[in-house]
Amino acid sequence: MTDTTRRSRRAPAPDERKLDAERSRRLLLDAALDEFSAKGYAGARVQDIADRAGVNKQLINYYFGGKEGLYCAIGQRWLEREAEFNDPAAPFDEIMVRYLRHVLDDPRGTRLNAWRGLTEDLDDVPPGDREDLSDLERRQAAGEFAGDLDPAAVMLAMMAMVAAPVTMPLAVRRVFGLDPGSPEFQERYAEQLRRIVRHLAGPG
């Protein structure tokens, strides 16, 4: 056996194994988001996710405990990404535009939420599974939007406005006369979203 053969058969170092595991997890998460956003949770197949990621499907069980665990991991990754740009110190209009930019840059999460809304049974949603409104309540107390507005209604309206270019592209074309993927629409809509949010504070 030559020295070259011995080197090629050596066991990977711990750091190499860690990097390989991180890469496999990342590939699976990205592939799963592609599949779930295109087909919904029920329609996405584990084999298709693995094929898209270019890894053995057994790694889905190994790293995530199965399809459901992979689905939950996507949600956790979104929360981590959201924490990077949802700065409590930033103005409300800036936060909404950051959400919009994220959706326009990567619409897969919004498409997945649309699938969930169309296919999941409301009875399957745990009663305690509610959005945290504390930041909106704090912003309302600080005067960023009017006191007679319900923070829950404000959040729902903002969610809908941010998602609209992805969930209603035909409406965008009909209303604006522009392609929702065009820079012209995206800049115009972002500026209008800023103005709408600022108007929520009321006169003055």
N, C-alpha and C. Protein backbone atom coordinates (compact mmCIF):
# COMPACT_ATOMS: atom_id res chain seq x y z
N MET A 1 0.85 -1.19 0.00
CA MET A 1 0.00 0.00 0.00
C MET A 1 0.89 1.25 0.00
N THR A 2 0.63 2.17 -0.90
CA THR A 2 1.45 3.37 -1.00
C THR A 2 1.05 4.39 0.06
N ASP A 3 1.94 5.38 0.28
CA ASP A 3 1.63 6.45 1.22
C ASP A 3 0.41 7.22 0.77
N THR A 4 0.26 7.39 -0.56
CA THR A 4 -0.89 8.13 -1.08
C THR A 4 -2.18 7.42 -0.73
N THR A 5 -2.19 6.09 -0.86
CA THR A 5 -3.39 5.31 -0.53
C THR A 5 -3.73 5.43 0.95
N ARG A 6 -2.66 5.34 1.78
CA ARG A 6 -2.91 5.46 3.22
C ARG A 6 -3.55 6.82 3.56
N ARG A 7 -3.02 7.89 2.94
CA ARG A 7 -3.55 9.23 3.23
C ARG A 7 -5.00 9.36 2.77
N SER A 8 -5.33 8.73 1.62
CA SER A 8 -6.68 8.86 1.08
C SER A 8 -7.70 8.11 1.92
N ARG A 9 -7.21 7.08 2.70
CA ARG A 9 -8.14 6.28 3.49
C ARG A 9 -8.21 6.70 4.97
N ARG A 10 -7.48 7.74 5.31
CA ARG A 10 -7.47 8.14 6.72
C ARG A 10 -8.86 8.59 7.14
N ALA A 11 -9.18 8.41 8.40
CA ALA A 11 -10.47 8.87 8.93
C ALA A 11 -10.48 10.39 8.97
N PRO A 12 -11.62 10.99 8.67
CA PRO A 12 -11.69 12.46 8.71
C PRO A 12 -11.50 12.97 10.13
N ALA A 13 -10.85 14.10 10.24
CA ALA A 13 -10.63 14.73 11.54
C ALA A 13 -11.96 15.22 12.09
N PRO A 14 -12.06 15.40 13.43
CA PRO A 14 -13.33 15.88 14.03
C PRO A 14 -13.85 17.16 13.40
N ASP A 15 -12.94 18.11 13.12
CA ASP A 15 -13.38 19.38 12.51
C ASP A 15 -13.96 19.14 11.12
N GLU A 16 -13.37 18.21 10.38
CA GLU A 16 -13.88 17.90 9.04
C GLU A 16 -15.25 17.26 9.13
N ARG A 17 -15.41 16.35 10.11
CA ARG A 17 -16.73 15.72 10.27
C ARG A 17 -17.78 16.75 10.65
N LYS A 18 -17.39 17.70 11.50
CA LYS A 18 -18.33 18.74 11.91
C LYS A 18 -18.75 19.59 10.72
N LEU A 19 -17.77 19.98 9.90
CA LEU A 19 -18.08 20.79 8.72
C LEU A 19 -18.97 20.02 7.75
N ASP A 20 -18.69 18.73 7.59
CA ASP A 20 -19.50 17.91 6.69
C ASP A 20 -20.93 17.78 7.20
N ALA A 21 -21.07 17.62 8.52
CA ALA A 21 -22.41 17.52 9.11
C ALA A 21 -23.16 18.83 8.95
N GLU A 22 -22.49 19.95 9.18
CA GLU A 22 -23.13 21.25 9.03
C GLU A 22 -23.56 21.48 7.58
N ARG A 23 -22.70 21.06 6.66
CA ARG A 23 -23.02 21.22 5.23
C ARG A 23 -24.24 20.36 4.87
N SER A 24 -24.27 19.11 5.35
CA SER A 24 -25.40 18.23 5.05
C SER A 24 -26.70 18.78 5.63
N ARG A 25 -26.64 19.28 6.86
CA ARG A 25 -27.83 19.87 7.48
C ARG A 25 -28.32 21.07 6.68
N ARG A 26 -27.38 21.91 6.28
CA ARG A 26 -27.75 23.12 5.51
C ARG A 26 -28.38 22.73 4.17
N LEU A 27 -27.78 21.76 3.49
CA LEU A 27 -28.32 21.32 2.20
C LEU A 27 -29.73 20.75 2.36
N LEU A 28 -29.94 19.98 3.43
CA LEU A 28 -31.26 19.39 3.68
C LEU A 28 -32.29 20.46 4.02
N LEU A 29 -31.90 21.44 4.82
CA LEU A 29 -32.84 22.50 5.18
C LEU A 29 -33.24 23.31 3.95
N ASP A 30 -32.27 23.63 3.10
CA ASP A 30 -32.58 24.39 1.89
C ASP A 30 -33.44 23.57 0.93
N ALA A 31 -33.10 22.30 0.77
CA ALA A 31 -33.88 21.44 -0.11
C ALA A 31 -35.30 21.25 0.41
N ALA A 32 -35.43 21.09 1.72
CA ALA A 32 -36.76 20.92 2.32
C ALA A 32 -37.60 22.16 2.13
N LEU A 33 -37.00 23.33 2.31
CA LEU A 33 -37.77 24.57 2.12
C LEU A 33 -38.21 24.69 0.67
N ASP A 34 -37.35 24.29 -0.26
CA ASP A 34 -37.75 24.27 -1.68
C ASP A 34 -38.96 23.36 -1.89
N GLU A 35 -38.88 22.15 -1.36
CA GLU A 35 -39.94 21.17 -1.58
C GLU A 35 -41.23 21.56 -0.85
N PHE A 36 -41.12 21.96 0.40
CA PHE A 36 -42.32 22.34 1.16
C PHE A 36 -43.01 23.56 0.55
N SER A 37 -42.22 24.52 0.09
CA SER A 37 -42.82 25.73 -0.47
C SER A 37 -43.48 25.46 -1.81
N ALA A 38 -42.98 24.44 -2.52
CA ALA A 38 -43.54 24.11 -3.83
C ALA A 38 -44.73 23.16 -3.74
N LYS A 39 -44.73 22.28 -2.71
CA LYS A 39 -45.74 21.21 -2.66
C LYS A 39 -46.52 21.15 -1.37
N GLY A 40 -46.15 21.97 -0.38
CA GLY A 40 -46.78 21.87 0.92
C GLY A 40 -46.17 20.73 1.72
N TYR A 41 -46.49 20.68 3.01
CA TYR A 41 -45.92 19.64 3.87
C TYR A 41 -46.36 18.24 3.42
N ALA A 42 -47.67 18.09 3.16
CA ALA A 42 -48.19 16.77 2.82
C ALA A 42 -47.65 16.28 1.48
N GLY A 43 -47.45 17.20 0.55
CA GLY A 43 -47.03 16.80 -0.79
C GLY A 43 -45.54 16.57 -0.94
N ALA A 44 -44.75 17.08 -0.02
CA ALA A 44 -43.30 16.93 -0.12
C ALA A 44 -42.88 15.52 0.32
N ARG A 45 -42.04 14.87 -0.48
CA ARG A 45 -41.57 13.53 -0.18
C ARG A 45 -40.13 13.58 0.34
N VAL A 46 -39.87 12.74 1.33
CA VAL A 46 -38.53 12.67 1.93
C VAL A 46 -37.48 12.35 0.86
N GLN A 47 -37.79 11.42 -0.03
CA GLN A 47 -36.83 11.04 -1.06
C GLN A 47 -36.51 12.22 -1.98
N ASP A 48 -37.54 13.00 -2.32
CA ASP A 48 -37.32 14.16 -3.19
C ASP A 48 -36.44 15.21 -2.50
N ILE A 49 -36.66 15.39 -1.20
CA ILE A 49 -35.84 16.34 -0.44
C ILE A 49 -34.38 15.89 -0.44
N ALA A 50 -34.17 14.60 -0.17
CA ALA A 50 -32.81 14.06 -0.15
C ALA A 50 -32.16 14.17 -1.53
N ASP A 51 -32.91 13.85 -2.58
CA ASP A 51 -32.37 13.93 -3.93
C ASP A 51 -31.97 15.37 -4.27
N ARG A 52 -32.83 16.31 -3.90
CA ARG A 52 -32.54 17.72 -4.17
C ARG A 52 -31.28 18.16 -3.42
N ALA A 53 -31.12 17.65 -2.19
CA ALA A 53 -29.95 18.01 -1.38
C ALA A 53 -28.70 17.26 -1.81
N GLY A 54 -28.89 16.15 -2.53
CA GLY A 54 -27.76 15.35 -2.96
C GLY A 54 -27.15 14.52 -1.84
N VAL A 55 -28.00 14.09 -0.90
CA VAL A 55 -27.52 13.27 0.22
C VAL A 55 -28.43 12.07 0.39
N ASN A 56 -27.99 11.11 1.21
CA ASN A 56 -28.80 9.93 1.51
C ASN A 56 -30.00 10.35 2.37
N LYS A 57 -31.16 9.81 2.07
CA LYS A 57 -32.36 10.22 2.81
C LYS A 57 -32.31 9.79 4.28
N GLN A 58 -31.46 8.81 4.60
CA GLN A 58 -31.34 8.41 6.00
C GLN A 58 -30.80 9.54 6.88
N LEU A 59 -30.11 10.49 6.26
CA LEU A 59 -29.60 11.63 7.03
C LEU A 59 -30.72 12.51 7.57
N ILE A 60 -31.88 12.47 6.94
CA ILE A 60 -33.02 13.24 7.45
C ILE A 60 -33.42 12.72 8.82
N ASN A 61 -33.48 11.40 8.94
CA ASN A 61 -33.76 10.81 10.25
C ASN A 61 -32.62 11.05 11.23
N TYR A 62 -31.40 10.95 10.74
CA TYR A 62 -30.23 11.06 11.61
C TYR A 62 -30.13 12.47 12.21
N TYR A 63 -30.30 13.49 11.38
CA TYR A 63 -30.12 14.86 11.85
C TYR A 63 -31.40 15.49 12.41
N PHE A 64 -32.56 15.08 11.90
CA PHE A 64 -33.80 15.79 12.25
C PHE A 64 -34.89 14.88 12.83
N GLY A 65 -34.66 13.58 12.85
CA GLY A 65 -35.67 12.68 13.37
C GLY A 65 -36.83 12.44 12.44
N GLY A 66 -36.69 12.81 11.17
CA GLY A 66 -37.75 12.57 10.20
C GLY A 66 -38.26 13.85 9.56
N LYS A 67 -39.28 13.70 8.76
CA LYS A 67 -39.85 14.81 7.99
C LYS A 67 -40.40 15.90 8.89
N GLU A 68 -41.10 15.52 9.95
CA GLU A 68 -41.68 16.52 10.85
C GLU A 68 -40.60 17.33 11.55
N GLY A 69 -39.54 16.66 11.97
CA GLY A 69 -38.43 17.35 12.61
C GLY A 69 -37.75 18.32 11.67
N LEU A 70 -37.64 17.93 10.41
CA LEU A 70 -37.05 18.80 9.40
C LEU A 70 -37.92 20.04 9.20
N TYR A 71 -39.22 19.82 9.18
CA TYR A 71 -40.18 20.92 9.05
C TYR A 71 -40.05 21.90 10.22
N CYS A 72 -39.93 21.36 11.42
CA CYS A 72 -39.77 22.21 12.62
C CYS A 72 -38.44 22.96 12.59
N ALA A 73 -37.40 22.31 12.08
CA ALA A 73 -36.10 22.95 12.00
C ALA A 73 -36.11 24.15 11.06
N ILE A 74 -36.92 24.07 10.01
CA ILE A 74 -37.06 25.21 9.11
C ILE A 74 -37.67 26.39 9.87
N GLY A 75 -38.66 26.10 10.69
CA GLY A 75 -39.28 27.16 11.50
C GLY A 75 -38.29 27.78 12.47
N GLN A 76 -37.46 26.96 13.08
CA GLN A 76 -36.45 27.46 14.02
C GLN A 76 -35.42 28.32 13.29
N ARG A 77 -35.03 27.89 12.11
CA ARG A 77 -34.05 28.67 11.34
C ARG A 77 -34.62 30.03 10.97
N TRP A 78 -35.93 30.08 10.67
CA TRP A 78 -36.56 31.36 10.37
C TRP A 78 -36.52 32.28 11.59
N LEU A 79 -36.79 31.75 12.78
CA LEU A 79 -36.77 32.57 13.99
C LEU A 79 -35.38 33.16 14.22
N GLU A 80 -34.36 32.36 13.94
CA GLU A 80 -32.98 32.85 14.09
C GLU A 80 -32.68 33.94 13.06
N ARG A 81 -33.15 33.75 11.85
CA ARG A 81 -32.94 34.77 10.80
C ARG A 81 -33.72 36.04 11.14
N GLU A 82 -34.94 35.88 11.61
CA GLU A 82 -35.78 37.02 11.95
C GLU A 82 -35.13 37.87 13.03
N ALA A 83 -34.51 37.23 14.00
CA ALA A 83 -33.88 37.96 15.11
C ALA A 83 -32.73 38.83 14.63
N GLU A 84 -32.17 38.53 13.46
CA GLU A 84 -31.07 39.32 12.94
C GLU A 84 -31.51 40.69 12.44
N PHE A 85 -32.75 40.80 11.94
CA PHE A 85 -33.17 42.09 11.39
C PHE A 85 -34.33 42.74 12.13
N ASN A 86 -34.99 42.02 13.02
CA ASN A 86 -36.10 42.59 13.78
C ASN A 86 -35.53 43.27 15.03
N ASP A 87 -34.94 44.44 14.83
CA ASP A 87 -34.28 45.18 15.90
C ASP A 87 -35.31 46.04 16.63
N PRO A 88 -35.53 45.81 17.93
CA PRO A 88 -36.51 46.61 18.67
C PRO A 88 -36.22 48.10 18.64
N ALA A 89 -34.96 48.47 18.40
CA ALA A 89 -34.59 49.88 18.40
C ALA A 89 -34.89 50.56 17.06
N ALA A 90 -35.12 49.77 16.01
CA ALA A 90 -35.38 50.35 14.68
C ALA A 90 -36.83 50.84 14.59
N PRO A 91 -37.08 51.90 13.82
CA PRO A 91 -38.46 52.39 13.64
C PRO A 91 -39.34 51.31 13.01
N PHE A 92 -40.64 51.40 13.30
CA PHE A 92 -41.59 50.40 12.83
C PHE A 92 -41.60 50.30 11.31
N ASP A 93 -41.55 51.44 10.62
CA ASP A 93 -41.58 51.40 9.15
C ASP A 93 -40.35 50.71 8.60
N GLU A 94 -39.20 50.90 9.24
CA GLU A 94 -37.97 50.24 8.79
C GLU A 94 -38.07 48.72 8.99
N ILE A 95 -38.65 48.31 10.12
CA ILE A 95 -38.81 46.87 10.37
C ILE A 95 -39.68 46.24 9.30
N MET A 96 -40.78 46.89 8.95
CA MET A 96 -41.68 46.32 7.94
C MET A 96 -41.00 46.22 6.58
N VAL A 97 -40.19 47.20 6.24
CA VAL A 97 -39.48 47.14 4.96
C VAL A 97 -38.44 46.03 4.99
N ARG A 98 -37.82 45.79 6.14
CA ARG A 98 -36.87 44.68 6.25
C ARG A 98 -37.56 43.34 6.03
N TYR A 99 -38.75 43.19 6.61
CA TYR A 99 -39.51 41.97 6.37
C TYR A 99 -39.83 41.84 4.88
N LEU A 100 -40.26 42.94 4.27
CA LEU A 100 -40.59 42.91 2.85
C LEU A 100 -39.38 42.51 2.02
N ARG A 101 -38.23 43.10 2.30
CA ARG A 101 -37.02 42.78 1.55
C ARG A 101 -36.69 41.29 1.69
N HIS A 102 -36.85 40.77 2.90
CA HIS A 102 -36.56 39.35 3.11
C HIS A 102 -37.49 38.49 2.25
N VAL A 103 -38.78 38.82 2.25
CA VAL A 103 -39.75 38.04 1.48
C VAL A 103 -39.45 38.13 -0.01
N LEU A 104 -39.09 39.31 -0.49
CA LEU A 104 -38.80 39.46 -1.91
C LEU A 104 -37.51 38.74 -2.29
N ASP A 105 -36.54 38.72 -1.38
CA ASP A 105 -35.28 38.03 -1.67
C ASP A 105 -35.42 36.51 -1.62
N ASP A 106 -36.26 36.03 -0.72
CA ASP A 106 -36.45 34.58 -0.59
C ASP A 106 -37.94 34.31 -0.28
N PRO A 107 -38.76 34.14 -1.32
CA PRO A 107 -40.21 33.98 -1.12
C PRO A 107 -40.64 32.60 -0.64
N ARG A 108 -39.71 31.69 -0.43
CA ARG A 108 -40.09 30.31 -0.12
C ARG A 108 -40.87 30.19 1.19
N GLY A 109 -40.45 30.92 2.21
CA GLY A 109 -41.15 30.85 3.49
C GLY A 109 -42.58 31.36 3.38
N THR A 110 -42.77 32.40 2.60
CA THR A 110 -44.12 32.95 2.41
C THR A 110 -44.99 31.98 1.63
N ARG A 111 -44.41 31.33 0.63
CA ARG A 111 -45.18 30.32 -0.12
C ARG A 111 -45.55 29.15 0.79
N LEU A 112 -44.63 28.76 1.67
CA LEU A 112 -44.92 27.68 2.60
C LEU A 112 -46.07 28.08 3.53
N ASN A 113 -46.06 29.32 4.03
CA ASN A 113 -47.15 29.78 4.88
C ASN A 113 -48.48 29.79 4.13
N ALA A 114 -48.44 30.11 2.84
CA ALA A 114 -49.67 30.08 2.04
C ALA A 114 -50.20 28.65 1.94
N TRP A 115 -49.29 27.69 1.72
CA TRP A 115 -49.70 26.29 1.70
C TRP A 115 -50.33 25.89 3.03
N ARG A 116 -49.70 26.32 4.12
CA ARG A 116 -50.23 25.98 5.44
C ARG A 116 -51.65 26.53 5.61
N GLY A 117 -51.84 27.78 5.20
CA GLY A 117 -53.15 28.40 5.35
C GLY A 117 -54.23 27.72 4.54
N LEU A 118 -53.84 27.18 3.39
CA LEU A 118 -54.81 26.55 2.50
C LEU A 118 -55.08 25.08 2.83
N THR A 119 -54.13 24.44 3.50
CA THR A 119 -54.25 22.98 3.65
C THR A 119 -54.32 22.49 5.09
N GLU A 120 -53.82 23.25 6.05
CA GLU A 120 -53.81 22.76 7.43
C GLU A 120 -55.14 23.03 8.13
N ASP A 121 -55.52 22.10 8.97
CA ASP A 121 -56.76 22.21 9.73
C ASP A 121 -56.53 23.10 10.94
N LEU A 122 -57.42 24.08 11.14
CA LEU A 122 -57.29 24.97 12.29
C LEU A 122 -57.31 24.20 13.61
N ASP A 123 -57.99 23.07 13.63
CA ASP A 123 -58.07 22.28 14.86
C ASP A 123 -56.72 21.66 15.23
N ASP A 124 -55.79 21.63 14.25
CA ASP A 124 -54.47 21.07 14.53
C ASP A 124 -53.52 22.09 15.14
N VAL A 125 -53.93 23.36 15.17
CA VAL A 125 -53.08 24.41 15.73
C VAL A 125 -53.32 24.48 17.24
N PRO A 126 -52.30 24.29 18.06
CA PRO A 126 -52.48 24.33 19.52
C PRO A 126 -53.04 25.67 19.96
N PRO A 127 -53.98 25.68 20.93
CA PRO A 127 -54.57 26.94 21.39
C PRO A 127 -53.54 27.95 21.88
N GLY A 128 -52.43 27.49 22.44
CA GLY A 128 -51.42 28.40 22.96
C GLY A 128 -50.43 28.89 21.92
N ASP A 129 -50.59 28.44 20.67
CA ASP A 129 -49.67 28.82 19.59
C ASP A 129 -50.07 30.18 19.05
N ARG A 130 -49.62 31.24 19.71
CA ARG A 130 -50.01 32.59 19.33
C ARG A 130 -48.79 33.46 19.08
N GLU A 131 -48.98 34.46 18.23
CA GLU A 131 -47.91 35.41 17.97
C GLU A 131 -47.67 36.27 19.21
N ASP A 132 -46.43 36.63 19.42
CA ASP A 132 -46.05 37.51 20.52
C ASP A 132 -46.30 38.95 20.09
N LEU A 133 -47.23 39.62 20.75
CA LEU A 133 -47.58 40.99 20.39
C LEU A 133 -46.89 42.02 21.28
N SER A 134 -45.99 41.58 22.14
CA SER A 134 -45.41 42.50 23.12
C SER A 134 -44.64 43.64 22.47
N ASP A 135 -43.93 43.36 21.37
CA ASP A 135 -43.17 44.43 20.71
C ASP A 135 -44.12 45.46 20.10
N LEU A 136 -45.20 45.00 19.50
CA LEU A 136 -46.18 45.94 18.95
C LEU A 136 -46.84 46.75 20.05
N GLU A 137 -47.13 46.12 21.16
CA GLU A 137 -47.73 46.85 22.29
C GLU A 137 -46.77 47.91 22.80
N ARG A 138 -45.50 47.58 22.84
CA ARG A 138 -44.49 48.56 23.25
C ARG A 138 -44.41 49.72 22.27
N ARG A 139 -44.44 49.40 20.99
CA ARG A 139 -44.40 50.45 19.97
C ARG A 139 -45.65 51.33 20.03
N GLN A 140 -46.79 50.72 20.30
CA GLN A 140 -48.02 51.50 20.43
C GLN A 140 -47.92 52.46 21.62
N ALA A 141 -47.42 51.98 22.73
CA ALA A 141 -47.25 52.83 23.92
C ALA A 141 -46.29 53.98 23.64
N ALA A 142 -45.32 53.74 22.74
CA ALA A 142 -44.35 54.78 22.39
C ALA A 142 -44.88 55.73 21.32
N GLY A 143 -46.10 55.48 20.84
CA GLY A 143 -46.71 56.38 19.86
C GLY A 143 -46.41 56.06 18.41
N GLU A 144 -45.85 54.87 18.14
CA GLU A 144 -45.54 54.53 16.75
C GLU A 144 -46.79 54.19 15.95
N PHE A 145 -47.86 53.80 16.62
CA PHE A 145 -49.16 53.73 15.95
C PHE A 145 -50.24 54.04 16.96
N ALA A 146 -51.39 54.46 16.44
CA ALA A 146 -52.44 55.06 17.26
C ALA A 146 -52.97 54.11 18.33
N GLY A 147 -53.37 54.70 19.44
CA GLY A 147 -53.83 53.93 20.58
C GLY A 147 -55.14 53.21 20.37
N ASP A 148 -55.95 53.65 19.37
CA ASP A 148 -57.24 53.00 19.16
C ASP A 148 -57.14 51.83 18.18
N LEU A 149 -55.93 51.47 17.78
CA LEU A 149 -55.73 50.32 16.89
C LEU A 149 -55.39 49.09 17.72
N ASP A 150 -55.96 47.96 17.31
CA ASP A 150 -55.70 46.69 17.97
C ASP A 150 -54.37 46.14 17.45
N PRO A 151 -53.37 45.93 18.32
CA PRO A 151 -52.08 45.40 17.85
C PRO A 151 -52.22 44.11 17.06
N ALA A 152 -53.18 43.26 17.42
CA ALA A 152 -53.37 42.01 16.68
C ALA A 152 -53.80 42.30 15.24
N ALA A 153 -54.69 43.28 15.07
CA ALA A 153 -55.13 43.64 13.72
C ALA A 153 -54.00 44.29 12.93
N VAL A 154 -53.19 45.09 13.60
CA VAL A 154 -52.04 45.71 12.94
C VAL A 154 -51.07 44.65 12.46
N MET A 155 -50.77 43.67 13.31
CA MET A 155 -49.85 42.61 12.91
C MET A 155 -50.39 41.82 11.72
N LEU A 156 -51.66 41.47 11.76
CA LEU A 156 -52.24 40.70 10.66
C LEU A 156 -52.20 41.49 9.36
N ALA A 157 -52.52 42.78 9.44
CA ALA A 157 -52.49 43.63 8.24
C ALA A 157 -51.07 43.73 7.69
N MET A 158 -50.09 43.89 8.57
CA MET A 158 -48.71 44.00 8.12
C MET A 158 -48.22 42.69 7.50
N MET A 159 -48.61 41.56 8.11
CA MET A 159 -48.25 40.26 7.53
C MET A 159 -48.79 40.14 6.10
N ALA A 160 -50.06 40.54 5.94
CA ALA A 160 -50.69 40.43 4.63
C ALA A 160 -50.02 41.35 3.61
N MET A 161 -49.68 42.55 4.03
CA MET A 161 -49.05 43.49 3.10
C MET A 161 -47.66 43.04 2.69
N VAL A 162 -46.92 42.49 3.62
CA VAL A 162 -45.57 42.02 3.31
C VAL A 162 -45.63 40.81 2.38
N ALA A 163 -46.61 39.93 2.59
CA ALA A 163 -46.72 38.71 1.80
C ALA A 163 -47.36 38.93 0.43
N ALA A 164 -48.08 40.01 0.25
CA ALA A 164 -48.90 40.21 -0.95
C ALA A 164 -48.14 40.05 -2.27
N PRO A 165 -46.92 40.58 -2.42
CA PRO A 165 -46.24 40.41 -3.71
C PRO A 165 -45.98 38.95 -4.08
N VAL A 166 -45.89 38.07 -3.07
CA VAL A 166 -45.66 36.65 -3.33
C VAL A 166 -46.97 35.89 -3.44
N THR A 167 -47.93 36.19 -2.57
CA THR A 167 -49.17 35.43 -2.54
C THR A 167 -50.19 35.93 -3.56
N MET A 168 -50.04 37.18 -4.03
CA MET A 168 -51.00 37.75 -4.99
C MET A 168 -50.28 38.43 -6.15
N PRO A 169 -49.40 37.72 -6.85
CA PRO A 169 -48.66 38.36 -7.94
C PRO A 169 -49.55 38.86 -9.08
N LEU A 170 -50.67 38.15 -9.34
CA LEU A 170 -51.58 38.61 -10.40
C LEU A 170 -52.25 39.92 -10.00
N ALA A 171 -52.60 40.04 -8.72
CA ALA A 171 -53.20 41.29 -8.25
C ALA A 171 -52.19 42.43 -8.35
N VAL A 172 -50.93 42.16 -8.05
CA VAL A 172 -49.90 43.19 -8.20
C VAL A 172 -49.86 43.69 -9.63
N ARG A 173 -49.86 42.77 -10.57
CA ARG A 173 -49.82 43.15 -11.99
C ARG A 173 -51.04 43.99 -12.36
N ARG A 174 -52.22 43.58 -11.88
CA ARG A 174 -53.44 44.29 -12.24
C ARG A 174 -53.54 45.65 -11.56
N VAL A 175 -53.09 45.74 -10.34
CA VAL A 175 -53.23 46.99 -9.58
C VAL A 175 -52.12 47.99 -9.94
N PHE A 176 -50.89 47.51 -9.98
CA PHE A 176 -49.75 48.39 -10.22
C PHE A 176 -49.35 48.45 -11.70
N GLY A 177 -49.77 47.45 -12.47
CA GLY A 177 -49.32 47.39 -13.85
C GLY A 177 -47.84 47.04 -13.97
N LEU A 178 -47.31 46.38 -12.93
CA LEU A 178 -45.88 46.06 -12.89
C LEU A 178 -45.69 44.60 -12.49
N ASP A 179 -44.56 44.04 -12.92
CA ASP A 179 -44.19 42.69 -12.50
C ASP A 179 -43.74 42.76 -11.04
N PRO A 180 -44.29 41.90 -10.15
CA PRO A 180 -43.90 41.95 -8.74
C PRO A 180 -42.42 41.67 -8.50
N GLY A 181 -41.75 41.06 -9.46
CA GLY A 181 -40.32 40.81 -9.32
C GLY A 181 -39.44 41.92 -9.83
N SER A 182 -40.04 42.97 -10.39
CA SER A 182 -39.26 44.04 -10.99
C SER A 182 -38.73 45.00 -9.93
N PRO A 183 -37.53 45.54 -10.12
CA PRO A 183 -36.99 46.54 -9.18
C PRO A 183 -37.91 47.75 -9.05
N GLU A 184 -38.56 48.14 -10.14
CA GLU A 184 -39.45 49.30 -10.11
C GLU A 184 -40.60 49.09 -9.12
N PHE A 185 -41.25 47.93 -9.21
CA PHE A 185 -42.34 47.65 -8.27
C PHE A 185 -41.82 47.56 -6.85
N GLN A 186 -40.73 46.84 -6.66
CA GLN A 186 -40.25 46.59 -5.31
C GLN A 186 -39.86 47.88 -4.59
N GLU A 187 -39.22 48.81 -5.30
CA GLU A 187 -38.87 50.09 -4.69
C GLU A 187 -40.12 50.93 -4.40
N ARG A 188 -41.03 50.93 -5.35
CA ARG A 188 -42.25 51.72 -5.16
C ARG A 188 -43.07 51.16 -4.00
N TYR A 189 -43.21 49.86 -3.94
CA TYR A 189 -44.03 49.24 -2.89
C TYR A 189 -43.37 49.42 -1.52
N ALA A 190 -42.06 49.28 -1.46
CA ALA A 190 -41.36 49.46 -0.18
C ALA A 190 -41.57 50.87 0.34
N GLU A 191 -41.49 51.86 -0.53
CA GLU A 191 -41.70 53.24 -0.10
C GLU A 191 -43.14 53.47 0.36
N GLN A 192 -44.10 52.89 -0.34
CA GLN A 192 -45.50 53.04 0.07
C GLN A 192 -45.77 52.33 1.39
N LEU A 193 -45.13 51.17 1.59
CA LEU A 193 -45.29 50.47 2.87
C LEU A 193 -44.76 51.34 4.01
N ARG A 194 -43.62 51.98 3.78
CA ARG A 194 -43.09 52.90 4.79
C ARG A 194 -44.12 53.98 5.14
N ARG A 195 -44.71 54.56 4.11
CA ARG A 195 -45.64 55.67 4.34
C ARG A 195 -46.90 55.20 5.07
N ILE A 196 -47.40 54.04 4.67
CA ILE A 196 -48.60 53.51 5.33
C ILE A 196 -48.33 53.28 6.81
N VAL A 197 -47.18 52.68 7.12
CA VAL A 197 -46.85 52.41 8.53
C VAL A 197 -46.72 53.72 9.30
N ARG A 198 -46.11 54.72 8.70
CA ARG A 198 -45.96 56.01 9.39
C ARG A 198 -47.32 56.65 9.65
N HIS A 199 -48.25 56.47 8.73
CA HIS A 199 -49.59 57.05 8.91
C HIS A 199 -50.37 56.37 10.03
N LEU A 200 -49.97 55.17 10.43
CA LEU A 200 -50.67 54.49 11.51
C LEU A 200 -50.60 55.27 12.81
N ALA A 201 -49.61 56.14 12.95
CA ALA A 201 -49.48 56.93 14.17
C ALA A 201 -50.53 58.01 14.27
N GLY A 202 -51.21 58.30 13.14
CA GLY A 202 -52.25 59.34 13.16
C GLY A 202 -51.66 60.71 12.86
N PRO A 203 -52.50 61.76 12.87
CA PRO A 203 -52.05 63.12 12.54
C PRO A 203 -50.93 63.59 13.47
N GLY A 204 -50.03 64.35 12.89
CA GLY A 204 -48.97 64.97 13.69
C GLY A 204 -47.79 64.10 13.92
